[in-house]
Amino acid sequence: MEQLRARFPETLVLGFDPEDAAGKVKASYSSRLAEAEDDLGVCCGFLDHVRGRPADETELSALREALEAVRLEGAEL
């Protein structure tokens, strides 16, 4: 961020909008959390919110594995 400010000192606002997000109806992050049915839904809602696209199959698989590992670790305690 500091490098951008140094390069563009007159910039007032810096934002990131994914290219394919134009025209999409955006749900708020809090509404995505409220609609999530489980932890995977929370994770996927977060990814969709910050990137403007849902998780792909590879990402879904990685999230499922991570959540399962956490669940199993909790069961061992």
N, C-alpha and C. Protein backbone atom coordinates (compact mmCIF):
# COMPACT_ATOMS: atom_id res chain seq x y z
N MET A 1 0.82 -1.18 0.00
CA MET A 1 0.00 0.00 0.00
C MET A 1 0.88 1.26 0.00
N GLU A 2 1.93 1.22 0.79
CA GLU A 2 2.83 2.38 0.85
C GLU A 2 3.50 2.62 -0.50
N GLN A 3 3.81 1.55 -1.22
CA GLN A 3 4.42 1.70 -2.54
C GLN A 3 3.45 2.39 -3.50
N LEU A 4 2.18 2.03 -3.41
CA LEU A 4 1.18 2.68 -4.26
C LEU A 4 1.04 4.15 -3.91
N ARG A 5 1.03 4.45 -2.62
CA ARG A 5 0.93 5.85 -2.20
C ARG A 5 2.14 6.65 -2.66
N ALA A 6 3.32 6.04 -2.61
CA ALA A 6 4.53 6.72 -3.07
C ALA A 6 4.48 6.96 -4.58
N ARG A 7 3.97 5.98 -5.31
CA ARG A 7 3.92 6.09 -6.78
C ARG A 7 2.81 7.02 -7.24
N PHE A 8 1.67 7.03 -6.53
CA PHE A 8 0.51 7.84 -6.90
C PHE A 8 0.08 8.70 -5.72
N PRO A 9 0.85 9.72 -5.37
CA PRO A 9 0.58 10.51 -4.17
C PRO A 9 -0.74 11.29 -4.21
N GLU A 10 -1.28 11.55 -5.37
CA GLU A 10 -2.52 12.33 -5.48
C GLU A 10 -3.78 11.46 -5.39
N THR A 11 -3.62 10.16 -5.26
CA THR A 11 -4.76 9.25 -5.20
C THR A 11 -5.50 9.42 -3.88
N LEU A 12 -6.82 9.63 -3.97
CA LEU A 12 -7.64 9.78 -2.77
C LEU A 12 -8.23 8.46 -2.31
N VAL A 13 -8.66 7.64 -3.28
CA VAL A 13 -9.32 6.38 -2.95
C VAL A 13 -8.71 5.27 -3.79
N LEU A 14 -8.43 4.16 -3.14
CA LEU A 14 -7.93 3.00 -3.85
C LEU A 14 -8.88 1.85 -3.59
N GLY A 15 -9.42 1.27 -4.64
CA GLY A 15 -10.36 0.16 -4.48
C GLY A 15 -10.04 -0.96 -5.43
N PHE A 16 -10.52 -2.14 -5.10
CA PHE A 16 -10.34 -3.31 -5.94
C PHE A 16 -11.71 -3.85 -6.30
N ASP A 17 -12.04 -3.86 -7.57
CA ASP A 17 -13.29 -4.43 -8.06
C ASP A 17 -12.94 -5.48 -9.10
N PRO A 18 -13.27 -6.75 -8.83
CA PRO A 18 -13.00 -7.79 -9.82
C PRO A 18 -13.64 -7.45 -11.16
N GLU A 19 -12.98 -7.78 -12.25
CA GLU A 19 -13.46 -7.44 -13.58
C GLU A 19 -14.85 -7.97 -13.88
N ASP A 20 -15.16 -9.17 -13.44
CA ASP A 20 -16.45 -9.77 -13.78
C ASP A 20 -17.55 -9.44 -12.78
N ALA A 21 -17.29 -8.54 -11.83
CA ALA A 21 -18.28 -8.23 -10.80
C ALA A 21 -19.26 -7.14 -11.22
N ALA A 22 -19.00 -6.46 -12.31
CA ALA A 22 -19.88 -5.37 -12.74
C ALA A 22 -21.28 -5.88 -13.03
N GLY A 23 -22.25 -5.20 -12.47
CA GLY A 23 -23.64 -5.55 -12.72
C GLY A 23 -24.20 -6.65 -11.85
N LYS A 24 -23.37 -7.30 -11.06
CA LYS A 24 -23.87 -8.35 -10.18
C LYS A 24 -24.53 -7.73 -8.96
N VAL A 25 -25.59 -8.35 -8.51
CA VAL A 25 -26.21 -7.92 -7.26
C VAL A 25 -25.37 -8.50 -6.13
N LYS A 26 -24.88 -7.63 -5.28
CA LYS A 26 -23.98 -8.08 -4.22
C LYS A 26 -24.72 -8.16 -2.89
N ALA A 27 -24.67 -9.32 -2.29
CA ALA A 27 -25.21 -9.49 -0.95
C ALA A 27 -24.16 -9.03 0.05
N SER A 28 -24.62 -8.49 1.16
CA SER A 28 -23.66 -8.06 2.17
C SER A 28 -23.00 -9.28 2.80
N TYR A 29 -21.85 -9.05 3.38
CA TYR A 29 -21.14 -10.15 4.02
C TYR A 29 -21.95 -10.70 5.18
N SER A 30 -22.59 -9.82 5.94
CA SER A 30 -23.39 -10.30 7.08
C SER A 30 -24.56 -11.15 6.61
N SER A 31 -25.16 -10.82 5.48
CA SER A 31 -26.27 -11.65 4.98
C SER A 31 -25.75 -13.00 4.48
N ARG A 32 -24.55 -13.03 3.93
CA ARG A 32 -23.96 -14.32 3.52
C ARG A 32 -23.72 -15.20 4.74
N LEU A 33 -23.22 -14.60 5.82
CA LEU A 33 -23.01 -15.37 7.05
C LEU A 33 -24.32 -15.90 7.60
N ALA A 34 -25.34 -15.06 7.59
CA ALA A 34 -26.64 -15.47 8.13
C ALA A 34 -27.26 -16.60 7.31
N GLU A 35 -26.99 -16.63 6.01
CA GLU A 35 -27.57 -17.64 5.13
C GLU A 35 -26.76 -18.93 5.09
N ALA A 36 -25.55 -18.90 5.61
CA ALA A 36 -24.68 -20.09 5.57
C ALA A 36 -25.28 -21.21 6.41
N GLU A 37 -25.31 -22.40 5.84
CA GLU A 37 -25.88 -23.56 6.53
C GLU A 37 -24.86 -24.26 7.42
N ASP A 38 -23.57 -24.07 7.13
CA ASP A 38 -22.52 -24.75 7.89
C ASP A 38 -21.21 -23.99 7.72
N ASP A 39 -20.14 -24.53 8.32
CA ASP A 39 -18.84 -23.86 8.24
C ASP A 39 -18.34 -23.73 6.80
N LEU A 40 -18.61 -24.74 5.99
CA LEU A 40 -18.21 -24.66 4.58
C LEU A 40 -18.92 -23.50 3.90
N GLY A 41 -20.17 -23.30 4.20
CA GLY A 41 -20.92 -22.18 3.64
C GLY A 41 -20.35 -20.84 4.06
N VAL A 42 -19.89 -20.74 5.31
CA VAL A 42 -19.26 -19.51 5.79
C VAL A 42 -17.98 -19.25 5.00
N CYS A 43 -17.16 -20.28 4.85
CA CYS A 43 -15.89 -20.14 4.10
C CYS A 43 -16.15 -19.75 2.65
N CYS A 44 -17.08 -20.42 2.02
CA CYS A 44 -17.38 -20.13 0.62
C CYS A 44 -17.99 -18.74 0.45
N GLY A 45 -18.83 -18.35 1.39
CA GLY A 45 -19.40 -17.00 1.35
C GLY A 45 -18.34 -15.93 1.46
N PHE A 46 -17.34 -16.19 2.30
CA PHE A 46 -16.23 -15.25 2.44
C PHE A 46 -15.46 -15.13 1.13
N LEU A 47 -15.12 -16.27 0.53
CA LEU A 47 -14.38 -16.23 -0.73
C LEU A 47 -15.17 -15.49 -1.81
N ASP A 48 -16.45 -15.77 -1.91
CA ASP A 48 -17.29 -15.10 -2.89
C ASP A 48 -17.33 -13.60 -2.63
N HIS A 49 -17.40 -13.22 -1.36
CA HIS A 49 -17.47 -11.81 -0.99
C HIS A 49 -16.19 -11.06 -1.36
N VAL A 50 -15.04 -11.63 -1.05
CA VAL A 50 -13.79 -10.89 -1.28
C VAL A 50 -13.28 -10.99 -2.71
N ARG A 51 -13.66 -12.05 -3.43
CA ARG A 51 -13.15 -12.22 -4.79
C ARG A 51 -14.18 -11.96 -5.87
N GLY A 52 -15.45 -11.94 -5.48
CA GLY A 52 -16.49 -11.72 -6.48
C GLY A 52 -16.81 -12.95 -7.31
N ARG A 53 -16.39 -14.11 -6.85
CA ARG A 53 -16.72 -15.36 -7.52
C ARG A 53 -16.73 -16.48 -6.49
N PRO A 54 -17.53 -17.50 -6.73
CA PRO A 54 -17.59 -18.61 -5.78
C PRO A 54 -16.33 -19.49 -5.87
N ALA A 55 -16.17 -20.32 -4.86
CA ALA A 55 -15.06 -21.27 -4.84
C ALA A 55 -15.24 -22.30 -5.96
N ASP A 56 -14.12 -22.68 -6.60
CA ASP A 56 -14.20 -23.72 -7.62
C ASP A 56 -14.08 -25.09 -6.94
N GLU A 57 -14.13 -26.15 -7.71
CA GLU A 57 -14.12 -27.50 -7.14
C GLU A 57 -12.84 -27.81 -6.37
N THR A 58 -11.70 -27.35 -6.87
CA THR A 58 -10.44 -27.57 -6.17
C THR A 58 -10.45 -26.87 -4.82
N GLU A 59 -10.93 -25.64 -4.80
CA GLU A 59 -10.99 -24.88 -3.56
C GLU A 59 -11.99 -25.50 -2.58
N LEU A 60 -13.14 -25.94 -3.11
CA LEU A 60 -14.13 -26.60 -2.25
C LEU A 60 -13.54 -27.84 -1.60
N SER A 61 -12.82 -28.62 -2.37
CA SER A 61 -12.19 -29.83 -1.84
C SER A 61 -11.19 -29.49 -0.74
N ALA A 62 -10.37 -28.48 -0.97
CA ALA A 62 -9.37 -28.07 0.03
C ALA A 62 -10.05 -27.58 1.30
N LEU A 63 -11.12 -26.82 1.15
CA LEU A 63 -11.85 -26.32 2.32
C LEU A 63 -12.49 -27.47 3.10
N ARG A 64 -13.09 -28.41 2.37
CA ARG A 64 -13.70 -29.57 3.05
C ARG A 64 -12.65 -30.34 3.85
N GLU A 65 -11.50 -30.57 3.24
CA GLU A 65 -10.42 -31.31 3.93
C GLU A 65 -9.94 -30.56 5.16
N ALA A 66 -9.78 -29.25 5.04
CA ALA A 66 -9.31 -28.45 6.18
C ALA A 66 -10.33 -28.46 7.31
N LEU A 67 -11.60 -28.30 6.98
CA LEU A 67 -12.64 -28.31 8.00
C LEU A 67 -12.75 -29.67 8.68
N GLU A 68 -12.61 -30.73 7.90
CA GLU A 68 -12.66 -32.08 8.47
C GLU A 68 -11.46 -32.31 9.40
N ALA A 69 -10.28 -31.84 9.02
CA ALA A 69 -9.10 -32.00 9.86
C ALA A 69 -9.28 -31.27 11.19
N VAL A 70 -9.86 -30.08 11.14
CA VAL A 70 -10.11 -29.32 12.37
C VAL A 70 -11.14 -30.05 13.22
N ARG A 71 -12.19 -30.58 12.60
CA ARG A 71 -13.22 -31.31 13.34
C ARG A 71 -12.63 -32.53 14.03
N LEU A 72 -11.81 -33.29 13.31
CA LEU A 72 -11.19 -34.48 13.88
C LEU A 72 -10.21 -34.13 15.01
N GLU A 73 -9.48 -33.06 14.84
CA GLU A 73 -8.55 -32.63 15.89
C GLU A 73 -9.31 -32.26 17.16
N GLY A 74 -10.44 -31.60 16.99
CA GLY A 74 -11.27 -31.24 18.14
C GLY A 74 -11.84 -32.46 18.83
N ALA A 75 -12.14 -33.50 18.07
CA ALA A 75 -12.70 -34.73 18.65
C ALA A 75 -11.66 -35.47 19.48
N GLU A 76 -10.39 -35.29 19.14
CA GLU A 76 -9.31 -35.98 19.86
C GLU A 76 -8.99 -35.32 21.20
N LEU A 77 -9.40 -34.08 21.38
CA LEU A 77 -9.06 -33.37 22.63
C LEU A 77 -9.84 -33.90 23.75
